[in-house]
Amino acid sequence: MNTRVLFARDFDKSSKRYNRVHNWSNKYNFIAVNETHGTVNRAAAFDSDFKHCRSWWSHESKQAGGLGIVVNKTFLQQFDMEPTWTIIHEARCGRLRLEGKLGRLDFYVCYLNSSDVNCRKITRDKIACNMSSSTRSLSIIYGDSNFVNDPHDRWNTSSTGFSGNKDKVENKQFED
């Protein structure tokens, strides 16, 4: 979920998104959020309102980036070990690892840089270095990769046309 300023100081800006995350946290087992513009204190306030969940965060600044994952405590009861949160790339990718009798589940929450292709490649490379083999863990990656797979995936409002195939090379790198 691209929350776009979940932790904004302006209550009117953040309350609708905050309420949506709260409603979804009662319906779904986990919610990935990115572009949170959060801080440690704002995340602590969030956690105090969401007693039925646990959350993990990686902040960039109040003005940019940030991501997190919110997991329902009932879902967490299926796993024996304490969840492990690893920052793969500060404010760009984090991994929540859950382990139990049925195996291991790795959730990767990503918010790749929107303007820097090299930064996106660094993040993807760090994910690849930290990802377990499919025989050891079920890995789920979600978030905003800020590149598209198909020439018709992204509409450019300025040019009133599709963004085209400019991400073809980057998509190939991701698939490899």
N, C-alpha and C. Protein backbone atom coordinates (compact mmCIF):
# COMPACT_ATOMS: atom_id res chain seq x y z
N MET A 1 0.85 -1.17 0.00
CA MET A 1 0.00 0.00 0.00
C MET A 1 0.89 1.23 0.00
N ASN A 2 0.73 2.05 -0.99
CA ASN A 2 1.47 3.30 -1.01
C ASN A 2 0.67 4.31 -0.19
N THR A 3 1.07 4.49 1.04
CA THR A 3 0.31 5.33 1.97
C THR A 3 0.54 6.81 1.76
N ARG A 4 1.57 7.15 1.01
CA ARG A 4 1.88 8.55 0.71
C ARG A 4 1.68 9.44 1.92
N VAL A 5 2.64 9.46 2.74
CA VAL A 5 2.70 10.33 3.92
C VAL A 5 1.75 9.84 5.02
N LEU A 6 1.87 8.56 5.36
CA LEU A 6 1.07 7.99 6.45
C LEU A 6 1.28 8.77 7.74
N PHE A 7 2.52 9.21 7.98
CA PHE A 7 2.85 9.88 9.23
C PHE A 7 2.95 11.40 9.09
N ALA A 8 2.17 11.99 8.21
CA ALA A 8 2.20 13.44 8.04
C ALA A 8 1.80 14.14 9.33
N ARG A 9 2.44 15.28 9.59
CA ARG A 9 2.07 16.08 10.78
C ARG A 9 0.67 16.66 10.63
N ASP A 10 0.29 16.96 9.41
CA ASP A 10 -1.02 17.52 9.11
C ASP A 10 -2.07 16.42 9.27
N PHE A 11 -2.90 16.53 10.30
CA PHE A 11 -3.88 15.49 10.61
C PHE A 11 -4.81 15.21 9.44
N ASP A 12 -5.26 16.25 8.75
CA ASP A 12 -6.17 16.06 7.62
C ASP A 12 -5.54 15.22 6.51
N LYS A 13 -4.23 15.40 6.30
CA LYS A 13 -3.53 14.62 5.28
C LYS A 13 -3.41 13.16 5.66
N SER A 14 -3.11 12.91 6.90
CA SER A 14 -2.79 11.54 7.30
C SER A 14 -3.97 10.74 7.83
N SER A 15 -5.02 11.38 8.32
CA SER A 15 -6.07 10.64 9.02
C SER A 15 -6.80 9.64 8.12
N LYS A 16 -7.07 9.99 6.86
CA LYS A 16 -7.77 9.07 5.96
C LYS A 16 -6.93 7.83 5.70
N ARG A 17 -5.64 8.02 5.46
CA ARG A 17 -4.75 6.89 5.21
C ARG A 17 -4.57 6.05 6.48
N TYR A 18 -4.42 6.74 7.58
CA TYR A 18 -4.25 6.08 8.88
C TYR A 18 -5.48 5.20 9.17
N ASN A 19 -6.67 5.74 8.96
CA ASN A 19 -7.91 4.98 9.19
C ASN A 19 -8.02 3.80 8.24
N ARG A 20 -7.57 3.97 7.00
CA ARG A 20 -7.60 2.86 6.04
C ARG A 20 -6.68 1.73 6.51
N VAL A 21 -5.49 2.08 6.96
CA VAL A 21 -4.57 1.05 7.47
C VAL A 21 -5.19 0.38 8.69
N HIS A 22 -5.81 1.15 9.56
CA HIS A 22 -6.45 0.58 10.75
C HIS A 22 -7.56 -0.39 10.36
N ASN A 23 -8.41 -0.01 9.42
CA ASN A 23 -9.49 -0.90 8.97
C ASN A 23 -8.93 -2.16 8.34
N TRP A 24 -7.93 -2.01 7.49
CA TRP A 24 -7.35 -3.17 6.85
C TRP A 24 -6.66 -4.09 7.85
N SER A 25 -6.07 -3.52 8.89
CA SER A 25 -5.37 -4.35 9.88
C SER A 25 -6.34 -5.25 10.64
N ASN A 26 -7.61 -4.91 10.66
CA ASN A 26 -8.62 -5.77 11.26
C ASN A 26 -9.09 -6.85 10.29
N LYS A 27 -8.86 -6.64 8.99
CA LYS A 27 -9.33 -7.56 7.96
C LYS A 27 -8.25 -8.51 7.44
N TYR A 28 -7.03 -8.02 7.34
CA TYR A 28 -5.95 -8.76 6.69
C TYR A 28 -4.86 -9.13 7.69
N ASN A 29 -4.11 -10.18 7.36
CA ASN A 29 -3.03 -10.64 8.24
C ASN A 29 -1.83 -9.72 8.25
N PHE A 30 -1.52 -9.10 7.12
CA PHE A 30 -0.37 -8.20 7.06
C PHE A 30 -0.60 -7.14 6.00
N ILE A 31 0.02 -5.98 6.23
CA ILE A 31 -0.08 -4.85 5.32
C ILE A 31 1.31 -4.26 5.16
N ALA A 32 1.75 -4.15 3.92
CA ALA A 32 3.02 -3.48 3.63
C ALA A 32 2.71 -2.03 3.31
N VAL A 33 3.48 -1.12 3.87
CA VAL A 33 3.29 0.30 3.62
C VAL A 33 4.61 0.92 3.18
N ASN A 34 4.53 1.85 2.23
CA ASN A 34 5.74 2.55 1.81
C ASN A 34 5.42 4.02 1.59
N GLU A 35 6.47 4.78 1.42
CA GLU A 35 6.40 6.24 1.33
C GLU A 35 5.69 6.80 2.57
N THR A 36 6.15 6.34 3.73
CA THR A 36 5.50 6.69 5.00
C THR A 36 5.89 8.07 5.53
N HIS A 37 7.07 8.55 5.17
CA HIS A 37 7.58 9.83 5.69
C HIS A 37 7.54 9.82 7.23
N GLY A 38 8.03 8.75 7.80
CA GLY A 38 7.90 8.54 9.23
C GLY A 38 9.13 8.87 10.04
N THR A 39 8.94 8.80 11.35
CA THR A 39 10.01 8.95 12.33
C THR A 39 9.77 7.90 13.41
N VAL A 40 10.75 7.71 14.25
CA VAL A 40 10.62 6.75 15.35
C VAL A 40 9.44 7.12 16.25
N ASN A 41 9.29 8.40 16.58
CA ASN A 41 8.21 8.83 17.48
C ASN A 41 6.84 8.65 16.84
N ARG A 42 6.71 8.95 15.56
CA ARG A 42 5.42 8.77 14.89
C ARG A 42 5.06 7.28 14.80
N ALA A 43 6.05 6.44 14.57
CA ALA A 43 5.80 5.00 14.53
C ALA A 43 5.38 4.49 15.91
N ALA A 44 5.97 5.01 16.96
CA ALA A 44 5.58 4.62 18.33
C ALA A 44 4.13 4.99 18.61
N ALA A 45 3.72 6.16 18.16
CA ALA A 45 2.32 6.58 18.33
C ALA A 45 1.40 5.65 17.55
N PHE A 46 1.80 5.28 16.35
CA PHE A 46 1.04 4.34 15.53
C PHE A 46 0.87 3.02 16.29
N ASP A 47 1.96 2.49 16.82
CA ASP A 47 1.92 1.21 17.53
C ASP A 47 0.99 1.25 18.73
N SER A 48 0.92 2.38 19.41
CA SER A 48 0.05 2.46 20.58
C SER A 48 -1.43 2.42 20.19
N ASP A 49 -1.76 2.82 18.96
CA ASP A 49 -3.14 2.76 18.47
C ASP A 49 -3.51 1.39 17.90
N PHE A 50 -2.52 0.60 17.53
CA PHE A 50 -2.75 -0.68 16.86
C PHE A 50 -2.34 -1.83 17.78
N LYS A 51 -3.04 -1.98 18.88
CA LYS A 51 -2.66 -2.98 19.88
C LYS A 51 -2.83 -4.42 19.40
N HIS A 52 -3.68 -4.64 18.40
CA HIS A 52 -3.92 -5.98 17.86
C HIS A 52 -2.87 -6.38 16.81
N CYS A 53 -1.90 -5.50 16.58
CA CYS A 53 -0.87 -5.74 15.57
C CYS A 53 0.52 -5.46 16.13
N ARG A 54 1.51 -5.93 15.37
CA ARG A 54 2.89 -5.51 15.58
C ARG A 54 3.35 -4.88 14.28
N SER A 55 4.27 -3.96 14.38
CA SER A 55 4.77 -3.32 13.16
C SER A 55 6.28 -3.14 13.24
N TRP A 56 6.87 -3.06 12.06
CA TRP A 56 8.30 -2.86 11.91
C TRP A 56 8.50 -1.78 10.85
N TRP A 57 9.50 -0.92 11.03
CA TRP A 57 9.65 0.27 10.19
C TRP A 57 11.11 0.52 9.81
N SER A 58 11.28 1.22 8.69
CA SER A 58 12.57 1.78 8.30
C SER A 58 12.28 3.18 7.76
N HIS A 59 12.79 4.19 8.43
CA HIS A 59 12.47 5.58 8.10
C HIS A 59 13.60 6.24 7.32
N GLU A 60 13.21 7.13 6.41
CA GLU A 60 14.20 7.97 5.73
C GLU A 60 14.15 9.36 6.34
N SER A 61 13.02 10.03 6.18
CA SER A 61 12.86 11.35 6.79
C SER A 61 11.38 11.71 6.81
N LYS A 62 11.07 12.85 7.42
CA LYS A 62 9.69 13.32 7.43
C LYS A 62 9.24 13.74 6.04
N GLN A 63 10.20 14.01 5.16
CA GLN A 63 9.88 14.51 3.83
C GLN A 63 9.93 13.45 2.74
N ALA A 64 10.53 12.31 3.01
CA ALA A 64 10.74 11.35 1.92
C ALA A 64 10.81 9.92 2.42
N GLY A 65 10.47 9.01 1.52
CA GLY A 65 10.70 7.58 1.71
C GLY A 65 10.09 6.96 2.94
N GLY A 66 10.65 5.86 3.31
CA GLY A 66 10.21 5.12 4.48
C GLY A 66 9.28 3.98 4.11
N LEU A 67 9.31 2.94 4.94
CA LEU A 67 8.46 1.78 4.70
C LEU A 67 8.24 1.03 6.00
N GLY A 68 7.31 0.10 5.94
CA GLY A 68 7.04 -0.72 7.11
C GLY A 68 6.10 -1.86 6.78
N ILE A 69 5.90 -2.71 7.77
CA ILE A 69 4.95 -3.81 7.65
C ILE A 69 4.18 -3.89 8.96
N VAL A 70 2.88 -4.09 8.84
CA VAL A 70 1.98 -4.21 9.98
C VAL A 70 1.40 -5.62 9.92
N VAL A 71 1.55 -6.39 11.01
CA VAL A 71 1.12 -7.79 11.01
C VAL A 71 0.18 -8.02 12.19
N ASN A 72 -0.93 -8.68 11.90
CA ASN A 72 -1.91 -9.01 12.93
C ASN A 72 -1.31 -10.03 13.90
N LYS A 73 -1.49 -9.80 15.19
CA LYS A 73 -0.90 -10.69 16.20
C LYS A 73 -1.47 -12.11 16.13
N THR A 74 -2.72 -12.26 15.70
CA THR A 74 -3.31 -13.59 15.54
C THR A 74 -2.54 -14.38 14.49
N PHE A 75 -2.17 -13.73 13.39
CA PHE A 75 -1.38 -14.38 12.35
C PHE A 75 -0.01 -14.77 12.89
N LEU A 76 0.60 -13.91 13.68
CA LEU A 76 1.93 -14.18 14.23
C LEU A 76 1.95 -15.40 15.15
N GLN A 77 0.81 -15.75 15.74
CA GLN A 77 0.75 -16.89 16.65
C GLN A 77 1.02 -18.22 15.95
N GLN A 78 0.98 -18.23 14.62
CA GLN A 78 1.25 -19.45 13.86
C GLN A 78 2.75 -19.77 13.80
N PHE A 79 3.58 -18.85 14.27
CA PHE A 79 5.03 -19.00 14.18
C PHE A 79 5.63 -19.09 15.58
N ASP A 80 6.55 -20.03 15.76
CA ASP A 80 7.13 -20.29 17.07
C ASP A 80 8.18 -19.27 17.49
N MET A 81 9.00 -18.87 16.55
CA MET A 81 10.13 -18.01 16.88
C MET A 81 9.72 -16.54 16.82
N GLU A 82 10.47 -15.72 17.54
CA GLU A 82 10.26 -14.27 17.52
C GLU A 82 10.55 -13.75 16.10
N PRO A 83 9.68 -12.93 15.54
CA PRO A 83 9.94 -12.37 14.20
C PRO A 83 11.25 -11.58 14.17
N THR A 84 11.93 -11.63 13.03
CA THR A 84 13.18 -10.92 12.85
C THR A 84 13.02 -9.88 11.74
N TRP A 85 13.28 -8.61 12.07
CA TRP A 85 13.21 -7.52 11.10
C TRP A 85 14.63 -7.13 10.74
N THR A 86 14.94 -7.19 9.45
CA THR A 86 16.27 -6.84 8.94
C THR A 86 16.13 -5.72 7.92
N ILE A 87 16.86 -4.65 8.13
CA ILE A 87 16.89 -3.57 7.15
C ILE A 87 17.89 -3.98 6.06
N ILE A 88 17.39 -4.23 4.87
CA ILE A 88 18.23 -4.64 3.75
C ILE A 88 18.90 -3.41 3.12
N HIS A 89 18.13 -2.33 2.97
CA HIS A 89 18.63 -1.06 2.43
C HIS A 89 17.81 0.03 3.10
N GLU A 90 18.46 0.83 3.91
CA GLU A 90 17.80 1.84 4.75
C GLU A 90 16.70 2.60 4.00
N ALA A 91 15.49 2.56 4.53
CA ALA A 91 14.30 3.27 4.01
C ALA A 91 13.88 2.80 2.62
N ARG A 92 14.54 1.76 2.10
CA ARG A 92 14.22 1.27 0.75
C ARG A 92 13.77 -0.18 0.75
N CYS A 93 14.26 -1.00 1.68
CA CYS A 93 13.84 -2.41 1.73
C CYS A 93 14.11 -2.99 3.11
N GLY A 94 13.11 -3.68 3.62
CA GLY A 94 13.24 -4.41 4.87
C GLY A 94 12.67 -5.81 4.71
N ARG A 95 13.15 -6.74 5.53
CA ARG A 95 12.65 -8.12 5.48
C ARG A 95 12.15 -8.52 6.86
N LEU A 96 10.94 -9.03 6.91
CA LEU A 96 10.41 -9.61 8.13
C LEU A 96 10.43 -11.12 7.96
N ARG A 97 11.17 -11.79 8.84
CA ARG A 97 11.29 -13.25 8.77
C ARG A 97 10.45 -13.87 9.89
N LEU A 98 9.58 -14.81 9.48
CA LEU A 98 8.74 -15.55 10.42
C LEU A 98 9.08 -17.03 10.27
N GLU A 99 9.26 -17.73 11.42
CA GLU A 99 9.61 -19.15 11.38
C GLU A 99 8.74 -19.94 12.32
N GLY A 100 8.38 -21.14 11.87
CA GLY A 100 7.56 -22.02 12.69
C GLY A 100 7.69 -23.46 12.22
N LYS A 101 6.83 -24.32 12.76
CA LYS A 101 6.89 -25.75 12.42
C LYS A 101 6.66 -26.01 10.93
N LEU A 102 5.89 -25.16 10.30
CA LEU A 102 5.57 -25.36 8.89
C LEU A 102 6.60 -24.75 7.94
N GLY A 103 7.59 -24.06 8.49
CA GLY A 103 8.64 -23.50 7.64
C GLY A 103 8.91 -22.04 7.92
N ARG A 104 9.57 -21.42 6.95
CA ARG A 104 10.00 -20.03 7.10
C ARG A 104 9.36 -19.17 6.00
N LEU A 105 8.93 -17.98 6.41
CA LEU A 105 8.29 -17.02 5.52
C LEU A 105 9.03 -15.70 5.62
N ASP A 106 9.49 -15.20 4.47
CA ASP A 106 10.20 -13.92 4.41
C ASP A 106 9.38 -12.92 3.62
N PHE A 107 9.00 -11.82 4.27
CA PHE A 107 8.30 -10.73 3.60
C PHE A 107 9.31 -9.62 3.33
N TYR A 108 9.47 -9.26 2.09
CA TYR A 108 10.32 -8.13 1.71
C TYR A 108 9.41 -6.96 1.37
N VAL A 109 9.56 -5.86 2.07
CA VAL A 109 8.81 -4.64 1.80
C VAL A 109 9.77 -3.67 1.13
N CYS A 110 9.40 -3.20 -0.06
CA CYS A 110 10.31 -2.37 -0.86
C CYS A 110 9.68 -1.05 -1.25
N TYR A 111 10.51 -0.05 -1.28
CA TYR A 111 10.14 1.24 -1.85
C TYR A 111 11.39 1.74 -2.56
N LEU A 112 11.56 1.31 -3.81
CA LEU A 112 12.76 1.65 -4.56
C LEU A 112 12.75 3.12 -4.97
N ASN A 113 13.93 3.68 -5.05
CA ASN A 113 14.10 5.10 -5.37
C ASN A 113 13.41 5.43 -6.69
N SER A 114 12.64 6.50 -6.70
CA SER A 114 11.87 6.85 -7.90
C SER A 114 12.68 7.58 -8.96
N SER A 115 13.83 8.12 -8.61
CA SER A 115 14.56 8.94 -9.59
C SER A 115 15.97 8.45 -9.91
N ASP A 116 16.45 7.43 -9.22
CA ASP A 116 17.83 7.02 -9.40
C ASP A 116 17.92 5.53 -9.75
N VAL A 117 18.18 5.24 -11.02
CA VAL A 117 18.27 3.86 -11.50
C VAL A 117 19.36 3.09 -10.75
N ASN A 118 20.51 3.74 -10.49
CA ASN A 118 21.61 3.07 -9.80
C ASN A 118 21.23 2.69 -8.38
N CYS A 119 20.50 3.57 -7.70
CA CYS A 119 20.05 3.27 -6.35
C CYS A 119 19.09 2.08 -6.36
N ARG A 120 18.20 2.02 -7.37
CA ARG A 120 17.28 0.88 -7.48
C ARG A 120 18.07 -0.41 -7.69
N LYS A 121 19.11 -0.36 -8.51
CA LYS A 121 19.94 -1.55 -8.75
C LYS A 121 20.64 -1.99 -7.47
N ILE A 122 21.14 -1.05 -6.70
CA ILE A 122 21.79 -1.38 -5.43
C ILE A 122 20.80 -2.09 -4.51
N THR A 123 19.58 -1.58 -4.43
CA THR A 123 18.56 -2.20 -3.58
C THR A 123 18.26 -3.62 -4.07
N ARG A 124 18.06 -3.79 -5.38
CA ARG A 124 17.77 -5.12 -5.91
C ARG A 124 18.93 -6.09 -5.64
N ASP A 125 20.16 -5.61 -5.79
CA ASP A 125 21.33 -6.46 -5.52
C ASP A 125 21.38 -6.87 -4.05
N LYS A 126 21.04 -5.93 -3.15
CA LYS A 126 21.03 -6.25 -1.72
C LYS A 126 19.94 -7.27 -1.39
N ILE A 127 18.80 -7.15 -2.05
CA ILE A 127 17.73 -8.15 -1.85
C ILE A 127 18.24 -9.51 -2.28
N ALA A 128 18.85 -9.58 -3.48
CA ALA A 128 19.35 -10.85 -4.00
C ALA A 128 20.37 -11.48 -3.06
N CYS A 129 21.25 -10.68 -2.47
CA CYS A 129 22.27 -11.19 -1.54
C CYS A 129 21.66 -11.70 -0.23
N ASN A 130 20.50 -11.17 0.15
CA ASN A 130 19.89 -11.54 1.43
C ASN A 130 18.78 -12.58 1.30
N MET A 131 18.38 -12.90 0.08
CA MET A 131 17.26 -13.81 -0.12
C MET A 131 17.71 -15.26 0.02
N SER A 132 16.96 -16.03 0.76
CA SER A 132 17.24 -17.46 0.92
C SER A 132 16.76 -18.22 -0.31
N SER A 133 17.29 -19.42 -0.48
CA SER A 133 16.83 -20.25 -1.59
C SER A 133 15.38 -20.65 -1.34
N SER A 134 14.68 -21.01 -2.41
CA SER A 134 13.27 -21.36 -2.29
C SER A 134 13.06 -22.65 -1.50
N THR A 135 14.11 -23.44 -1.32
CA THR A 135 13.99 -24.65 -0.51
C THR A 135 14.06 -24.35 0.99
N ARG A 136 14.58 -23.17 1.34
CA ARG A 136 14.71 -22.78 2.75
C ARG A 136 13.61 -21.86 3.23
N SER A 137 13.04 -21.05 2.30
CA SER A 137 12.09 -20.03 2.72
C SER A 137 11.15 -19.67 1.57
N LEU A 138 9.91 -19.37 1.91
CA LEU A 138 9.00 -18.77 0.95
C LEU A 138 9.20 -17.27 1.06
N SER A 139 9.63 -16.66 -0.03
CA SER A 139 9.92 -15.22 -0.04
C SER A 139 8.85 -14.49 -0.84
N ILE A 140 8.31 -13.45 -0.25
CA ILE A 140 7.30 -12.62 -0.90
C ILE A 140 7.85 -11.20 -0.93
N ILE A 141 7.90 -10.63 -2.14
CA ILE A 141 8.37 -9.25 -2.30
C ILE A 141 7.18 -8.40 -2.71
N TYR A 142 6.99 -7.30 -1.96
CA TYR A 142 5.96 -6.36 -2.38
C TYR A 142 6.37 -4.94 -2.06
N GLY A 143 5.70 -4.02 -2.75
CA GLY A 143 6.02 -2.62 -2.56
C GLY A 143 6.01 -1.90 -3.89
N ASP A 144 6.80 -0.86 -3.99
CA ASP A 144 6.86 -0.02 -5.17
C ASP A 144 8.25 -0.10 -5.77
N SER A 145 8.36 -0.74 -6.94
CA SER A 145 9.66 -0.91 -7.57
C SER A 145 10.06 0.32 -8.39
N ASN A 146 9.10 1.19 -8.68
CA ASN A 146 9.34 2.41 -9.45
C ASN A 146 9.93 2.16 -10.83
N PHE A 147 9.65 0.99 -11.41
CA PHE A 147 9.87 0.74 -12.82
C PHE A 147 8.77 -0.21 -13.27
N VAL A 148 8.51 -0.25 -14.55
CA VAL A 148 7.38 -1.04 -15.06
C VAL A 148 7.85 -2.12 -16.01
N ASN A 149 7.03 -3.16 -16.13
CA ASN A 149 7.36 -4.32 -16.97
C ASN A 149 6.87 -4.19 -18.41
N ASP A 150 5.83 -3.43 -18.60
CA ASP A 150 5.17 -3.35 -19.89
C ASP A 150 5.08 -1.89 -20.34
N PRO A 151 5.19 -1.62 -21.63
CA PRO A 151 5.12 -0.24 -22.10
C PRO A 151 3.81 0.47 -21.74
N HIS A 152 2.78 -0.29 -21.41
CA HIS A 152 1.46 0.29 -21.08
C HIS A 152 1.15 0.24 -19.58
N ASP A 153 2.15 -0.02 -18.75
CA ASP A 153 1.92 -0.12 -17.30
C ASP A 153 1.79 1.23 -16.59
N ARG A 154 2.39 2.26 -17.12
CA ARG A 154 2.39 3.55 -16.42
C ARG A 154 1.95 4.67 -17.35
N TRP A 155 0.98 5.44 -16.87
CA TRP A 155 0.44 6.59 -17.61
C TRP A 155 1.15 7.85 -17.13
N ASN A 156 1.63 8.64 -18.07
CA ASN A 156 2.28 9.90 -17.76
C ASN A 156 1.26 11.02 -17.94
N THR A 157 0.87 11.66 -16.84
CA THR A 157 -0.15 12.70 -16.92
C THR A 157 0.35 13.95 -17.63
N SER A 158 1.64 14.23 -17.58
CA SER A 158 2.18 15.42 -18.24
C SER A 158 2.11 15.29 -19.77
N SER A 159 2.54 14.13 -20.27
CA SER A 159 2.56 13.94 -21.73
C SER A 159 1.26 13.32 -22.23
N THR A 160 0.38 12.94 -21.32
CA THR A 160 -0.88 12.25 -21.63
C THR A 160 -0.65 11.05 -22.53
N GLY A 161 0.32 10.25 -22.14
CA GLY A 161 0.61 9.02 -22.86
C GLY A 161 1.29 8.02 -21.93
N PHE A 162 1.44 6.80 -22.41
CA PHE A 162 2.13 5.79 -21.62
C PHE A 162 3.62 6.08 -21.57
N SER A 163 4.27 5.65 -20.50
CA SER A 163 5.69 5.95 -20.31
C SER A 163 6.57 5.19 -21.28
N GLY A 164 6.04 4.15 -21.90
CA GLY A 164 6.79 3.42 -22.91
C GLY A 164 7.64 2.31 -22.35
N ASN A 165 8.66 1.99 -23.08
CA ASN A 165 9.48 0.82 -22.78
C ASN A 165 10.83 1.19 -22.19
N LYS A 166 10.92 2.37 -21.55
CA LYS A 166 12.22 2.85 -21.06
C LYS A 166 12.78 2.01 -19.92
N ASP A 167 11.96 1.21 -19.26
CA ASP A 167 12.43 0.39 -18.13
C ASP A 167 12.76 -1.04 -18.55
N LYS A 168 12.82 -1.30 -19.85
CA LYS A 168 13.04 -2.66 -20.35
C LYS A 168 14.33 -3.28 -19.80
N VAL A 169 15.43 -2.53 -19.83
CA VAL A 169 16.72 -3.04 -19.35
C VAL A 169 16.65 -3.30 -17.84
N GLU A 170 16.07 -2.37 -17.14
CA GLU A 170 15.96 -2.53 -15.68
C GLU A 170 15.10 -3.73 -15.32
N ASN A 171 14.02 -3.95 -16.03
CA ASN A 171 13.16 -5.10 -15.78
C ASN A 171 13.91 -6.39 -16.04
N LYS A 172 14.73 -6.43 -17.09
CA LYS A 172 15.54 -7.61 -17.40
C LYS A 172 16.51 -7.90 -16.27
N GLN A 173 17.15 -6.84 -15.73
CA GLN A 173 18.07 -7.02 -14.60
C GLN A 173 17.33 -7.60 -13.40
N PHE A 174 16.12 -7.14 -13.17
CA PHE A 174 15.33 -7.61 -12.03
C PHE A 174 14.98 -9.10 -12.20
N GLU A 175 14.59 -9.47 -13.40
CA GLU A 175 14.23 -10.87 -13.66
C GLU A 175 15.42 -11.80 -13.54
N ASP A 176 16.60 -11.32 -13.96
CA ASP A 176 17.81 -12.14 -13.88
C ASP A 176 18.20 -12.37 -12.43
